[in-house]
Amino acid sequence: MSVADIRQNYEKFELLEALAAESPMQQFTLWFDDALKAGVPEPNAMTLATATPAGRPSARVVLLKGFDEHGLVFFTNYTSRKGNELAENPWASLLFFWPALERQVRLEGRIEKVSAAESDEYFHSRPLGSRIGAWVSPQSQPITRAELEARALELTASLGDHPQRPPHWGGYRLVPDYVEFWQGRPSRLHDRLAFQRDDAGQWSRQRLAP
């Protein structure tokens, strides 16, 4: 089979205005709960797209670690490529794809750092190896495997069982002003409902052509 012949017919669900939530985060909560109940592998995996001030984009998969009406939270190294790009251009996009449910969610908005207290709380909830790993990796910098493993041995011994959060590591929150829900439908006549927030903080909703 050629790549061009790979296709999937979507026919499991529909997304109609009459059944959709009034706010995008309420709708996101409903769909995220559906992904959990369906046993979707890593339902919190999301593609994070950032860009330089010149507009050169980059994307990678990160993990959602919390969400509410204020936005979606993830944690990373502030000095990584994405951290540097967010420092220079604090706008980003997130994409969730749950193929088992034939659904996508796109979110766009401004990025802000979460509080130090929130970063501390999450950091100390992580497994010990992950906490030490945040110290070990100079993320996005050139390194050999031998150097990485040597750093891991050295810092595992020196940091002990209760390492503090490194100052270069913490959380970001994407505060969305655009959220789009995509539900696959037969014959590529997919459902797309887009929520847009205005300057007064009010959400409007419209259907987009697939």
N, C-alpha and C. Protein backbone atom coordinates (compact mmCIF):
# COMPACT_ATOMS: atom_id res chain seq x y z
N MET A 1 0.83 -1.19 0.00
CA MET A 1 0.00 0.00 0.00
C MET A 1 0.87 1.25 0.00
N SER A 2 0.55 2.22 -0.85
CA SER A 2 1.30 3.46 -0.87
C SER A 2 0.80 4.39 0.23
N VAL A 3 1.62 5.35 0.56
CA VAL A 3 1.22 6.34 1.57
C VAL A 3 -0.06 7.04 1.14
N ALA A 4 -0.19 7.33 -0.13
CA ALA A 4 -1.37 8.03 -0.63
C ALA A 4 -2.66 7.24 -0.44
N ASP A 5 -2.53 5.91 -0.29
CA ASP A 5 -3.72 5.06 -0.15
C ASP A 5 -4.15 4.87 1.31
N ILE A 6 -3.37 5.38 2.23
CA ILE A 6 -3.73 5.24 3.64
C ILE A 6 -4.83 6.24 3.97
N ARG A 7 -5.96 5.74 4.42
CA ARG A 7 -7.06 6.62 4.79
C ARG A 7 -7.98 5.94 5.81
N GLN A 8 -8.67 6.74 6.57
CA GLN A 8 -9.58 6.24 7.60
C GLN A 8 -10.92 6.93 7.41
N ASN A 9 -12.00 6.16 7.44
CA ASN A 9 -13.33 6.75 7.36
C ASN A 9 -13.83 7.00 8.78
N TYR A 10 -14.16 8.23 9.07
CA TYR A 10 -14.57 8.61 10.42
C TYR A 10 -16.09 8.56 10.54
N GLU A 11 -16.58 7.82 11.52
CA GLU A 11 -18.04 7.66 11.61
C GLU A 11 -18.53 7.35 13.02
N LYS A 12 -17.70 7.60 14.05
CA LYS A 12 -18.09 7.21 15.39
C LYS A 12 -19.03 8.20 16.07
N PHE A 13 -18.73 9.50 15.95
CA PHE A 13 -19.46 10.50 16.72
C PHE A 13 -19.78 11.71 15.84
N GLU A 14 -20.52 12.65 16.43
CA GLU A 14 -20.81 13.92 15.79
C GLU A 14 -20.68 15.03 16.82
N LEU A 15 -20.49 16.24 16.34
CA LEU A 15 -20.38 17.40 17.22
C LEU A 15 -21.34 18.48 16.70
N LEU A 16 -22.50 18.55 17.31
CA LEU A 16 -23.52 19.49 16.92
C LEU A 16 -23.64 20.61 17.95
N GLU A 17 -23.99 21.80 17.48
CA GLU A 17 -24.09 22.95 18.37
C GLU A 17 -25.04 22.69 19.53
N ALA A 18 -26.13 22.00 19.27
CA ALA A 18 -27.14 21.77 20.31
C ALA A 18 -26.61 20.93 21.46
N LEU A 19 -25.55 20.14 21.19
CA LEU A 19 -25.01 19.25 22.22
C LEU A 19 -23.69 19.75 22.78
N ALA A 20 -23.14 20.81 22.22
CA ALA A 20 -21.84 21.31 22.66
C ALA A 20 -21.99 22.19 23.91
N ALA A 21 -20.94 22.24 24.71
CA ALA A 21 -20.93 23.07 25.91
C ALA A 21 -20.86 24.54 25.52
N GLU A 22 -21.22 25.40 26.47
CA GLU A 22 -21.23 26.83 26.20
C GLU A 22 -19.83 27.44 26.20
N SER A 23 -18.93 26.86 26.98
CA SER A 23 -17.57 27.39 27.04
C SER A 23 -16.59 26.35 26.51
N PRO A 24 -15.48 26.79 25.93
CA PRO A 24 -14.54 25.81 25.36
C PRO A 24 -13.90 24.91 26.39
N MET A 25 -13.63 25.42 27.58
CA MET A 25 -12.99 24.57 28.58
C MET A 25 -13.97 23.55 29.15
N GLN A 26 -15.25 23.89 29.17
CA GLN A 26 -16.24 22.88 29.54
C GLN A 26 -16.29 21.77 28.50
N GLN A 27 -16.25 22.16 27.23
CA GLN A 27 -16.24 21.16 26.16
C GLN A 27 -14.95 20.34 26.20
N PHE A 28 -13.83 20.99 26.46
CA PHE A 28 -12.57 20.26 26.57
C PHE A 28 -12.64 19.24 27.70
N THR A 29 -13.21 19.63 28.83
CA THR A 29 -13.34 18.71 29.97
C THR A 29 -14.15 17.48 29.58
N LEU A 30 -15.24 17.69 28.86
CA LEU A 30 -16.08 16.56 28.42
C LEU A 30 -15.29 15.62 27.52
N TRP A 31 -14.56 16.19 26.56
CA TRP A 31 -13.81 15.34 25.64
C TRP A 31 -12.62 14.68 26.31
N PHE A 32 -11.97 15.38 27.23
CA PHE A 32 -10.84 14.77 27.93
C PHE A 32 -11.33 13.60 28.78
N ASP A 33 -12.47 13.76 29.43
CA ASP A 33 -13.05 12.66 30.20
C ASP A 33 -13.38 11.48 29.29
N ASP A 34 -13.89 11.76 28.09
CA ASP A 34 -14.17 10.68 27.14
C ASP A 34 -12.89 9.94 26.77
N ALA A 35 -11.79 10.68 26.59
CA ALA A 35 -10.51 10.05 26.24
C ALA A 35 -10.02 9.15 27.38
N LEU A 36 -10.20 9.61 28.62
CA LEU A 36 -9.82 8.79 29.77
C LEU A 36 -10.64 7.51 29.82
N LYS A 37 -11.95 7.65 29.66
CA LYS A 37 -12.84 6.48 29.74
C LYS A 37 -12.58 5.50 28.60
N ALA A 38 -12.16 6.02 27.45
CA ALA A 38 -11.90 5.16 26.30
C ALA A 38 -10.54 4.48 26.38
N GLY A 39 -9.74 4.82 27.39
CA GLY A 39 -8.42 4.22 27.53
C GLY A 39 -7.43 4.68 26.48
N VAL A 40 -7.60 5.90 25.99
CA VAL A 40 -6.66 6.45 25.00
C VAL A 40 -5.25 6.50 25.61
N PRO A 41 -4.24 5.94 24.96
CA PRO A 41 -2.87 6.02 25.51
C PRO A 41 -2.42 7.47 25.64
N GLU A 42 -1.91 7.80 26.80
CA GLU A 42 -1.42 9.16 27.07
C GLU A 42 -2.37 10.23 26.53
N PRO A 43 -3.58 10.29 27.05
CA PRO A 43 -4.54 11.28 26.55
C PRO A 43 -4.10 12.71 26.80
N ASN A 44 -3.14 12.90 27.71
CA ASN A 44 -2.64 14.25 28.00
C ASN A 44 -1.45 14.65 27.13
N ALA A 45 -1.08 13.80 26.18
CA ALA A 45 0.00 14.17 25.25
C ALA A 45 -0.52 15.21 24.26
N MET A 46 0.24 16.28 24.07
CA MET A 46 -0.20 17.36 23.19
C MET A 46 1.00 17.92 22.45
N THR A 47 0.77 18.32 21.22
CA THR A 47 1.81 18.96 20.44
C THR A 47 1.83 20.45 20.77
N LEU A 48 2.99 20.93 21.19
CA LEU A 48 3.19 22.34 21.50
C LEU A 48 3.96 22.99 20.36
N ALA A 49 3.38 23.99 19.73
CA ALA A 49 4.04 24.73 18.67
C ALA A 49 4.41 26.11 19.17
N THR A 50 5.68 26.47 18.97
CA THR A 50 6.18 27.80 19.31
C THR A 50 6.82 28.39 18.07
N ALA A 51 7.23 29.65 18.18
CA ALA A 51 7.89 30.29 17.03
C ALA A 51 8.86 31.34 17.53
N THR A 52 9.88 31.58 16.75
CA THR A 52 10.82 32.66 17.03
C THR A 52 10.16 34.00 16.72
N PRO A 53 10.75 35.11 17.15
CA PRO A 53 10.20 36.42 16.76
C PRO A 53 10.14 36.61 15.25
N ALA A 54 11.01 35.91 14.53
CA ALA A 54 11.01 36.01 13.06
C ALA A 54 9.95 35.13 12.42
N GLY A 55 9.26 34.32 13.24
CA GLY A 55 8.19 33.50 12.72
C GLY A 55 8.57 32.08 12.34
N ARG A 56 9.81 31.65 12.66
CA ARG A 56 10.20 30.27 12.35
C ARG A 56 9.59 29.34 13.41
N PRO A 57 8.74 28.39 13.01
CA PRO A 57 8.05 27.56 13.99
C PRO A 57 8.84 26.31 14.37
N SER A 58 8.48 25.76 15.50
CA SER A 58 8.97 24.44 15.91
C SER A 58 7.88 23.80 16.75
N ALA A 59 7.86 22.47 16.75
CA ALA A 59 6.81 21.75 17.46
C ALA A 59 7.39 20.51 18.11
N ARG A 60 6.79 20.12 19.23
CA ARG A 60 7.19 18.92 19.95
C ARG A 60 6.03 18.47 20.83
N VAL A 61 6.07 17.23 21.29
CA VAL A 61 5.02 16.71 22.16
C VAL A 61 5.42 16.92 23.61
N VAL A 62 4.51 17.50 24.39
CA VAL A 62 4.68 17.66 25.82
C VAL A 62 3.44 17.08 26.50
N LEU A 63 3.46 17.05 27.83
CA LEU A 63 2.35 16.45 28.56
C LEU A 63 1.58 17.50 29.34
N LEU A 64 0.27 17.50 29.18
CA LEU A 64 -0.61 18.35 29.97
C LEU A 64 -0.60 17.88 31.42
N LYS A 65 -0.44 18.82 32.35
CA LYS A 65 -0.39 18.45 33.77
C LYS A 65 -1.46 19.15 34.60
N GLY A 66 -2.32 19.91 33.97
CA GLY A 66 -3.43 20.53 34.68
C GLY A 66 -4.16 21.48 33.75
N PHE A 67 -5.47 21.67 34.00
CA PHE A 67 -6.23 22.63 33.22
C PHE A 67 -7.47 23.05 34.00
N ASP A 68 -7.89 24.28 33.73
CA ASP A 68 -9.12 24.82 34.29
C ASP A 68 -9.56 25.95 33.38
N GLU A 69 -10.49 26.77 33.83
CA GLU A 69 -11.00 27.86 33.00
C GLU A 69 -9.92 28.89 32.65
N HIS A 70 -8.82 28.89 33.42
CA HIS A 70 -7.76 29.87 33.17
C HIS A 70 -6.79 29.42 32.08
N GLY A 71 -6.70 28.11 31.84
CA GLY A 71 -5.79 27.64 30.80
C GLY A 71 -5.26 26.25 31.06
N LEU A 72 -4.24 25.89 30.29
CA LEU A 72 -3.65 24.55 30.32
C LEU A 72 -2.19 24.65 30.72
N VAL A 73 -1.76 23.75 31.61
CA VAL A 73 -0.44 23.84 32.22
C VAL A 73 0.45 22.67 31.82
N PHE A 74 1.70 22.99 31.51
CA PHE A 74 2.72 21.97 31.28
C PHE A 74 4.02 22.47 31.91
N PHE A 75 4.97 21.55 32.10
CA PHE A 75 6.22 21.87 32.77
C PHE A 75 7.40 21.48 31.89
N THR A 76 8.47 22.28 31.99
CA THR A 76 9.63 22.02 31.14
C THR A 76 10.82 22.82 31.64
N ASN A 77 11.91 22.71 30.90
CA ASN A 77 13.13 23.47 31.17
C ASN A 77 13.00 24.86 30.54
N TYR A 78 13.14 25.89 31.35
CA TYR A 78 12.98 27.26 30.84
C TYR A 78 14.09 27.66 29.86
N THR A 79 15.22 26.97 29.90
CA THR A 79 16.33 27.32 29.01
C THR A 79 16.40 26.43 27.77
N SER A 80 15.40 25.59 27.56
CA SER A 80 15.33 24.75 26.37
C SER A 80 14.99 25.60 25.15
N ARG A 81 14.97 24.97 23.99
CA ARG A 81 14.60 25.72 22.78
C ARG A 81 13.20 26.31 22.92
N LYS A 82 12.25 25.52 23.39
CA LYS A 82 10.89 26.05 23.53
C LYS A 82 10.84 27.15 24.58
N GLY A 83 11.62 26.99 25.67
CA GLY A 83 11.66 28.01 26.69
C GLY A 83 12.21 29.32 26.17
N ASN A 84 13.27 29.24 25.37
CA ASN A 84 13.85 30.45 24.78
C ASN A 84 12.89 31.10 23.79
N GLU A 85 12.22 30.28 23.00
CA GLU A 85 11.27 30.85 22.04
C GLU A 85 10.09 31.49 22.75
N LEU A 86 9.62 30.88 23.83
CA LEU A 86 8.50 31.45 24.57
C LEU A 86 8.90 32.74 25.29
N ALA A 87 10.16 32.84 25.70
CA ALA A 87 10.63 34.06 26.33
C ALA A 87 10.64 35.22 25.35
N GLU A 88 10.93 34.92 24.09
CA GLU A 88 11.02 35.95 23.06
C GLU A 88 9.69 36.22 22.37
N ASN A 89 8.84 35.19 22.33
CA ASN A 89 7.56 35.29 21.62
C ASN A 89 6.53 34.48 22.41
N PRO A 90 5.88 35.08 23.40
CA PRO A 90 5.04 34.33 24.34
C PRO A 90 3.65 33.98 23.81
N TRP A 91 3.60 33.43 22.60
CA TRP A 91 2.36 32.94 22.02
C TRP A 91 2.62 31.52 21.53
N ALA A 92 1.62 30.66 21.68
CA ALA A 92 1.83 29.26 21.32
C ALA A 92 0.51 28.62 20.92
N SER A 93 0.63 27.41 20.40
CA SER A 93 -0.54 26.61 20.03
C SER A 93 -0.35 25.20 20.58
N LEU A 94 -1.46 24.60 21.00
CA LEU A 94 -1.48 23.22 21.47
C LEU A 94 -2.42 22.41 20.60
N LEU A 95 -2.07 21.15 20.38
CA LEU A 95 -2.91 20.26 19.59
C LEU A 95 -3.01 18.90 20.29
N PHE A 96 -4.23 18.48 20.54
CA PHE A 96 -4.50 17.13 21.02
C PHE A 96 -5.10 16.33 19.85
N PHE A 97 -4.64 15.09 19.69
CA PHE A 97 -5.21 14.20 18.69
C PHE A 97 -5.51 12.87 19.36
N TRP A 98 -6.78 12.52 19.38
CA TRP A 98 -7.23 11.27 19.99
C TRP A 98 -7.85 10.41 18.88
N PRO A 99 -7.01 9.66 18.13
CA PRO A 99 -7.52 8.93 16.97
C PRO A 99 -8.58 7.90 17.31
N ALA A 100 -8.53 7.30 18.51
CA ALA A 100 -9.53 6.30 18.87
C ALA A 100 -10.93 6.91 18.91
N LEU A 101 -10.99 8.22 19.19
CA LEU A 101 -12.28 8.93 19.23
C LEU A 101 -12.51 9.78 17.99
N GLU A 102 -11.53 9.76 17.07
CA GLU A 102 -11.62 10.54 15.84
C GLU A 102 -11.81 12.03 16.14
N ARG A 103 -10.98 12.53 17.08
CA ARG A 103 -11.12 13.90 17.55
C ARG A 103 -9.78 14.62 17.63
N GLN A 104 -9.84 15.92 17.38
CA GLN A 104 -8.72 16.82 17.61
C GLN A 104 -9.23 18.04 18.37
N VAL A 105 -8.33 18.63 19.17
CA VAL A 105 -8.60 19.92 19.79
C VAL A 105 -7.39 20.81 19.56
N ARG A 106 -7.63 22.00 19.03
CA ARG A 106 -6.57 23.00 18.83
C ARG A 106 -6.84 24.17 19.75
N LEU A 107 -5.77 24.64 20.40
CA LEU A 107 -5.87 25.80 21.28
C LEU A 107 -4.74 26.76 20.95
N GLU A 108 -5.06 28.04 20.91
CA GLU A 108 -4.06 29.07 20.66
C GLU A 108 -4.20 30.16 21.72
N GLY A 109 -3.07 30.75 22.10
CA GLY A 109 -3.16 31.83 23.07
C GLY A 109 -1.81 32.25 23.61
N ARG A 110 -1.89 33.11 24.59
CA ARG A 110 -0.69 33.66 25.21
C ARG A 110 -0.15 32.70 26.28
N ILE A 111 1.16 32.68 26.42
CA ILE A 111 1.83 31.83 27.40
C ILE A 111 2.31 32.68 28.57
N GLU A 112 2.11 32.15 29.79
CA GLU A 112 2.63 32.79 30.99
C GLU A 112 3.23 31.72 31.88
N LYS A 113 4.20 32.09 32.69
CA LYS A 113 4.75 31.14 33.66
C LYS A 113 3.78 30.99 34.82
N VAL A 114 3.66 29.77 35.35
CA VAL A 114 2.88 29.57 36.56
C VAL A 114 3.69 30.08 37.74
N SER A 115 3.08 30.18 38.90
CA SER A 115 3.78 30.67 40.08
C SER A 115 4.86 29.69 40.52
N ALA A 116 5.85 30.20 41.25
CA ALA A 116 6.90 29.34 41.79
C ALA A 116 6.30 28.29 42.71
N ALA A 117 5.28 28.66 43.47
CA ALA A 117 4.65 27.70 44.38
C ALA A 117 4.00 26.56 43.61
N GLU A 118 3.35 26.88 42.48
CA GLU A 118 2.73 25.83 41.67
C GLU A 118 3.78 24.93 41.05
N SER A 119 4.89 25.52 40.59
CA SER A 119 5.97 24.70 40.03
C SER A 119 6.59 23.81 41.11
N ASP A 120 6.79 24.36 42.31
CA ASP A 120 7.34 23.57 43.42
C ASP A 120 6.43 22.39 43.76
N GLU A 121 5.14 22.67 43.82
CA GLU A 121 4.19 21.61 44.20
C GLU A 121 4.23 20.46 43.21
N TYR A 122 4.21 20.78 41.92
CA TYR A 122 4.26 19.71 40.93
C TYR A 122 5.61 19.01 40.95
N PHE A 123 6.70 19.77 41.04
CA PHE A 123 8.03 19.17 41.03
C PHE A 123 8.16 18.12 42.13
N HIS A 124 7.70 18.44 43.33
CA HIS A 124 7.86 17.52 44.45
C HIS A 124 6.90 16.34 44.39
N SER A 125 5.93 16.39 43.47
CA SER A 125 5.04 15.23 43.28
C SER A 125 5.61 14.22 42.29
N ARG A 126 6.68 14.57 41.61
CA ARG A 126 7.25 13.72 40.57
C ARG A 126 8.08 12.59 41.19
N PRO A 127 8.25 11.48 40.46
CA PRO A 127 9.17 10.44 40.94
C PRO A 127 10.58 11.00 41.11
N LEU A 128 11.34 10.42 42.01
CA LEU A 128 12.69 10.92 42.30
C LEU A 128 13.55 10.99 41.04
N GLY A 129 13.50 9.97 40.22
CA GLY A 129 14.31 9.98 39.01
C GLY A 129 13.99 11.14 38.10
N SER A 130 12.72 11.49 38.02
CA SER A 130 12.32 12.63 37.18
C SER A 130 12.79 13.94 37.78
N ARG A 131 12.77 14.05 39.11
CA ARG A 131 13.26 15.27 39.76
C ARG A 131 14.76 15.45 39.52
N ILE A 132 15.49 14.36 39.64
CA ILE A 132 16.93 14.45 39.38
C ILE A 132 17.19 14.72 37.91
N GLY A 133 16.37 14.12 37.05
CA GLY A 133 16.53 14.33 35.62
C GLY A 133 16.39 15.79 35.21
N ALA A 134 15.57 16.54 35.95
CA ALA A 134 15.42 17.97 35.65
C ALA A 134 16.72 18.72 35.89
N TRP A 135 17.53 18.24 36.83
CA TRP A 135 18.85 18.83 37.09
C TRP A 135 19.89 18.33 36.08
N VAL A 136 19.74 17.08 35.67
CA VAL A 136 20.77 16.43 34.85
C VAL A 136 20.84 17.02 33.45
N SER A 137 19.68 17.23 32.83
CA SER A 137 19.66 17.53 31.41
C SER A 137 19.75 19.03 31.11
N PRO A 138 20.79 19.48 30.41
CA PRO A 138 20.83 20.85 29.88
C PRO A 138 20.04 20.87 28.58
N GLN A 139 18.75 20.80 28.69
CA GLN A 139 17.86 20.48 27.58
C GLN A 139 18.12 21.34 26.35
N SER A 140 18.16 20.68 25.22
CA SER A 140 18.36 21.26 23.88
C SER A 140 19.82 21.62 23.59
N GLN A 141 20.73 21.39 24.53
CA GLN A 141 22.15 21.68 24.31
C GLN A 141 22.87 20.42 23.81
N PRO A 142 23.89 20.56 22.99
CA PRO A 142 24.64 19.38 22.52
C PRO A 142 25.26 18.63 23.70
N ILE A 143 25.19 17.29 23.66
CA ILE A 143 25.76 16.48 24.73
C ILE A 143 25.94 15.06 24.21
N THR A 144 26.93 14.36 24.72
CA THR A 144 27.09 12.94 24.37
C THR A 144 26.32 12.10 25.38
N ARG A 145 26.05 10.86 25.00
CA ARG A 145 25.36 9.95 25.92
C ARG A 145 26.22 9.71 27.16
N ALA A 146 27.52 9.59 26.97
CA ALA A 146 28.42 9.36 28.10
C ALA A 146 28.39 10.54 29.07
N GLU A 147 28.38 11.76 28.54
CA GLU A 147 28.33 12.94 29.40
C GLU A 147 27.00 12.99 30.16
N LEU A 148 25.90 12.65 29.49
CA LEU A 148 24.60 12.66 30.15
C LEU A 148 24.55 11.65 31.29
N GLU A 149 25.07 10.44 31.04
CA GLU A 149 25.04 9.40 32.07
C GLU A 149 25.98 9.74 33.21
N ALA A 150 27.11 10.39 32.92
CA ALA A 150 28.03 10.81 33.98
C ALA A 150 27.38 11.87 34.86
N ARG A 151 26.68 12.81 34.24
CA ARG A 151 25.96 13.83 35.01
C ARG A 151 24.89 13.19 35.89
N ALA A 152 24.22 12.18 35.35
CA ALA A 152 23.17 11.51 36.11
C ALA A 152 23.76 10.83 37.35
N LEU A 153 24.88 10.15 37.20
CA LEU A 153 25.52 9.49 38.34
C LEU A 153 25.97 10.52 39.38
N GLU A 154 26.58 11.59 38.91
CA GLU A 154 27.11 12.61 39.82
C GLU A 154 25.99 13.30 40.59
N LEU A 155 24.94 13.68 39.91
CA LEU A 155 23.87 14.43 40.56
C LEU A 155 22.96 13.54 41.40
N THR A 156 22.82 12.27 41.00
CA THR A 156 22.06 11.35 41.84
C THR A 156 22.72 11.21 43.20
N ALA A 157 24.05 11.17 43.20
CA ALA A 157 24.79 11.05 44.47
C ALA A 157 24.75 12.34 45.27
N SER A 158 24.87 13.49 44.60
CA SER A 158 24.99 14.75 45.33
C SER A 158 23.65 15.34 45.76
N LEU A 159 22.60 15.10 45.02
CA LEU A 159 21.31 15.71 45.34
C LEU A 159 20.53 14.95 46.41
N GLY A 160 20.78 13.66 46.54
CA GLY A 160 20.09 12.88 47.55
C GLY A 160 18.65 12.59 47.19
N ASP A 161 17.86 12.29 48.21
CA ASP A 161 16.48 11.86 47.99
C ASP A 161 15.47 13.01 47.98
N HIS A 162 15.91 14.22 48.27
CA HIS A 162 14.97 15.34 48.35
C HIS A 162 15.51 16.57 47.62
N PRO A 163 15.75 16.43 46.30
CA PRO A 163 16.27 17.59 45.55
C PRO A 163 15.25 18.71 45.46
N GLN A 164 15.71 19.94 45.52
CA GLN A 164 14.84 21.08 45.33
C GLN A 164 14.64 21.32 43.83
N ARG A 165 13.60 22.03 43.49
CA ARG A 165 13.35 22.34 42.08
C ARG A 165 14.46 23.24 41.54
N PRO A 166 15.04 22.86 40.40
CA PRO A 166 16.06 23.73 39.81
C PRO A 166 15.44 25.04 39.33
N PRO A 167 16.15 26.15 39.44
CA PRO A 167 15.57 27.44 39.04
C PRO A 167 15.26 27.55 37.56
N HIS A 168 15.86 26.67 36.75
CA HIS A 168 15.63 26.72 35.30
C HIS A 168 14.48 25.83 34.85
N TRP A 169 13.72 25.31 35.80
CA TRP A 169 12.66 24.35 35.46
C TRP A 169 11.36 24.78 36.12
N GLY A 170 10.26 24.71 35.39
CA GLY A 170 8.98 25.08 35.98
C GLY A 170 7.85 25.00 34.96
N GLY A 171 6.74 25.62 35.31
CA GLY A 171 5.53 25.46 34.52
C GLY A 171 5.18 26.67 33.68
N TYR A 172 4.44 26.38 32.62
CA TYR A 172 3.83 27.40 31.77
C TYR A 172 2.33 27.14 31.71
N ARG A 173 1.60 28.21 31.51
CA ARG A 173 0.16 28.10 31.27
C ARG A 173 -0.18 28.76 29.94
N LEU A 174 -0.84 28.01 29.06
CA LEU A 174 -1.37 28.62 27.85
C LEU A 174 -2.78 29.13 28.17
N VAL A 175 -2.97 30.43 28.01
CA VAL A 175 -4.27 31.07 28.26
C VAL A 175 -4.95 31.22 26.90
N PRO A 176 -5.91 30.36 26.58
CA PRO A 176 -6.42 30.33 25.21
C PRO A 176 -7.35 31.50 24.88
N ASP A 177 -7.22 31.98 23.65
CA ASP A 177 -8.21 32.92 23.12
C ASP A 177 -8.89 32.35 21.87
N TYR A 178 -8.42 31.15 21.46
CA TYR A 178 -9.04 30.44 20.35
C TYR A 178 -8.97 28.95 20.65
N VAL A 179 -10.11 28.26 20.56
CA VAL A 179 -10.16 26.82 20.79
C VAL A 179 -11.06 26.21 19.71
N GLU A 180 -10.54 25.20 19.03
CA GLU A 180 -11.32 24.54 17.97
C GLU A 180 -11.44 23.05 18.23
N PHE A 181 -12.65 22.55 18.12
CA PHE A 181 -12.94 21.13 18.31
C PHE A 181 -13.29 20.51 16.96
N TRP A 182 -12.58 19.45 16.64
CA TRP A 182 -12.73 18.76 15.35
C TRP A 182 -13.21 17.34 15.61
N GLN A 183 -14.33 16.98 15.02
CA GLN A 183 -14.85 15.62 15.12
C GLN A 183 -14.92 15.03 13.72
N GLY A 184 -14.23 13.91 13.51
CA GLY A 184 -14.25 13.27 12.22
C GLY A 184 -15.64 12.79 11.86
N ARG A 185 -16.01 12.95 10.58
CA ARG A 185 -17.32 12.52 10.08
C ARG A 185 -17.14 11.83 8.73
N PRO A 186 -18.11 11.05 8.28
CA PRO A 186 -17.98 10.36 6.99
C PRO A 186 -17.81 11.32 5.82
N SER A 187 -17.15 10.83 4.78
CA SER A 187 -16.94 11.57 3.53
C SER A 187 -16.18 12.87 3.73
N ARG A 188 -15.41 12.93 4.79
CA ARG A 188 -14.59 14.10 5.10
C ARG A 188 -15.44 15.35 5.36
N LEU A 189 -16.72 15.18 5.70
CA LEU A 189 -17.58 16.31 6.07
C LEU A 189 -17.54 16.47 7.58
N HIS A 190 -16.35 16.77 8.08
CA HIS A 190 -16.10 16.78 9.51
C HIS A 190 -16.81 17.95 10.20
N ASP A 191 -17.01 17.79 11.51
CA ASP A 191 -17.53 18.87 12.35
C ASP A 191 -16.37 19.67 12.91
N ARG A 192 -16.45 20.99 12.77
CA ARG A 192 -15.46 21.89 13.36
C ARG A 192 -16.21 23.03 14.06
N LEU A 193 -16.08 23.08 15.38
CA LEU A 193 -16.66 24.18 16.15
C LEU A 193 -15.52 24.99 16.74
N ALA A 194 -15.51 26.28 16.46
CA ALA A 194 -14.43 27.17 16.91
C ALA A 194 -14.97 28.19 17.90
N PHE A 195 -14.27 28.33 19.01
CA PHE A 195 -14.58 29.32 20.04
C PHE A 195 -13.52 30.42 19.97
N GLN A 196 -13.95 31.68 19.95
CA GLN A 196 -13.05 32.83 19.90
C GLN A 196 -13.39 33.76 21.06
N ARG A 197 -12.35 34.19 21.81
CA ARG A 197 -12.57 35.10 22.93
C ARG A 197 -12.26 36.53 22.51
N ASP A 198 -13.15 37.46 22.84
CA ASP A 198 -12.93 38.85 22.47
C ASP A 198 -12.16 39.59 23.57
N ASP A 199 -11.93 40.88 23.36
CA ASP A 199 -11.14 41.67 24.30
C ASP A 199 -11.82 41.80 25.66
N ALA A 200 -13.12 41.61 25.70
CA ALA A 200 -13.86 41.68 26.97
C ALA A 200 -13.90 40.34 27.70
N GLY A 201 -13.27 39.32 27.09
CA GLY A 201 -13.23 38.01 27.72
C GLY A 201 -14.43 37.13 27.43
N GLN A 202 -15.29 37.54 26.49
CA GLN A 202 -16.47 36.77 26.16
C GLN A 202 -16.19 35.84 24.98
N TRP A 203 -16.74 34.63 25.05
CA TRP A 203 -16.52 33.65 24.00
C TRP A 203 -17.66 33.67 22.99
N SER A 204 -17.32 33.59 21.72
CA SER A 204 -18.30 33.37 20.66
C SER A 204 -17.98 32.03 19.99
N ARG A 205 -18.96 31.46 19.33
CA ARG A 205 -18.78 30.14 18.74
C ARG A 205 -19.33 30.13 17.32
N GLN A 206 -18.62 29.47 16.42
CA GLN A 206 -19.11 29.33 15.06
C GLN A 206 -18.63 28.02 14.47
N ARG A 207 -19.38 27.53 13.49
CA ARG A 207 -19.00 26.32 12.77
C ARG A 207 -18.11 26.72 11.59
N LEU A 208 -17.08 25.93 11.38
CA LEU A 208 -16.17 26.15 10.25
C LEU A 208 -16.32 25.02 9.25
N ALA A 209 -16.13 25.34 7.98
CA ALA A 209 -16.18 24.31 6.95
C ALA A 209 -15.01 23.35 7.14
N PRO A 210 -15.25 22.06 6.91
CA PRO A 210 -14.17 21.08 7.12
C PRO A 210 -13.10 21.19 6.03
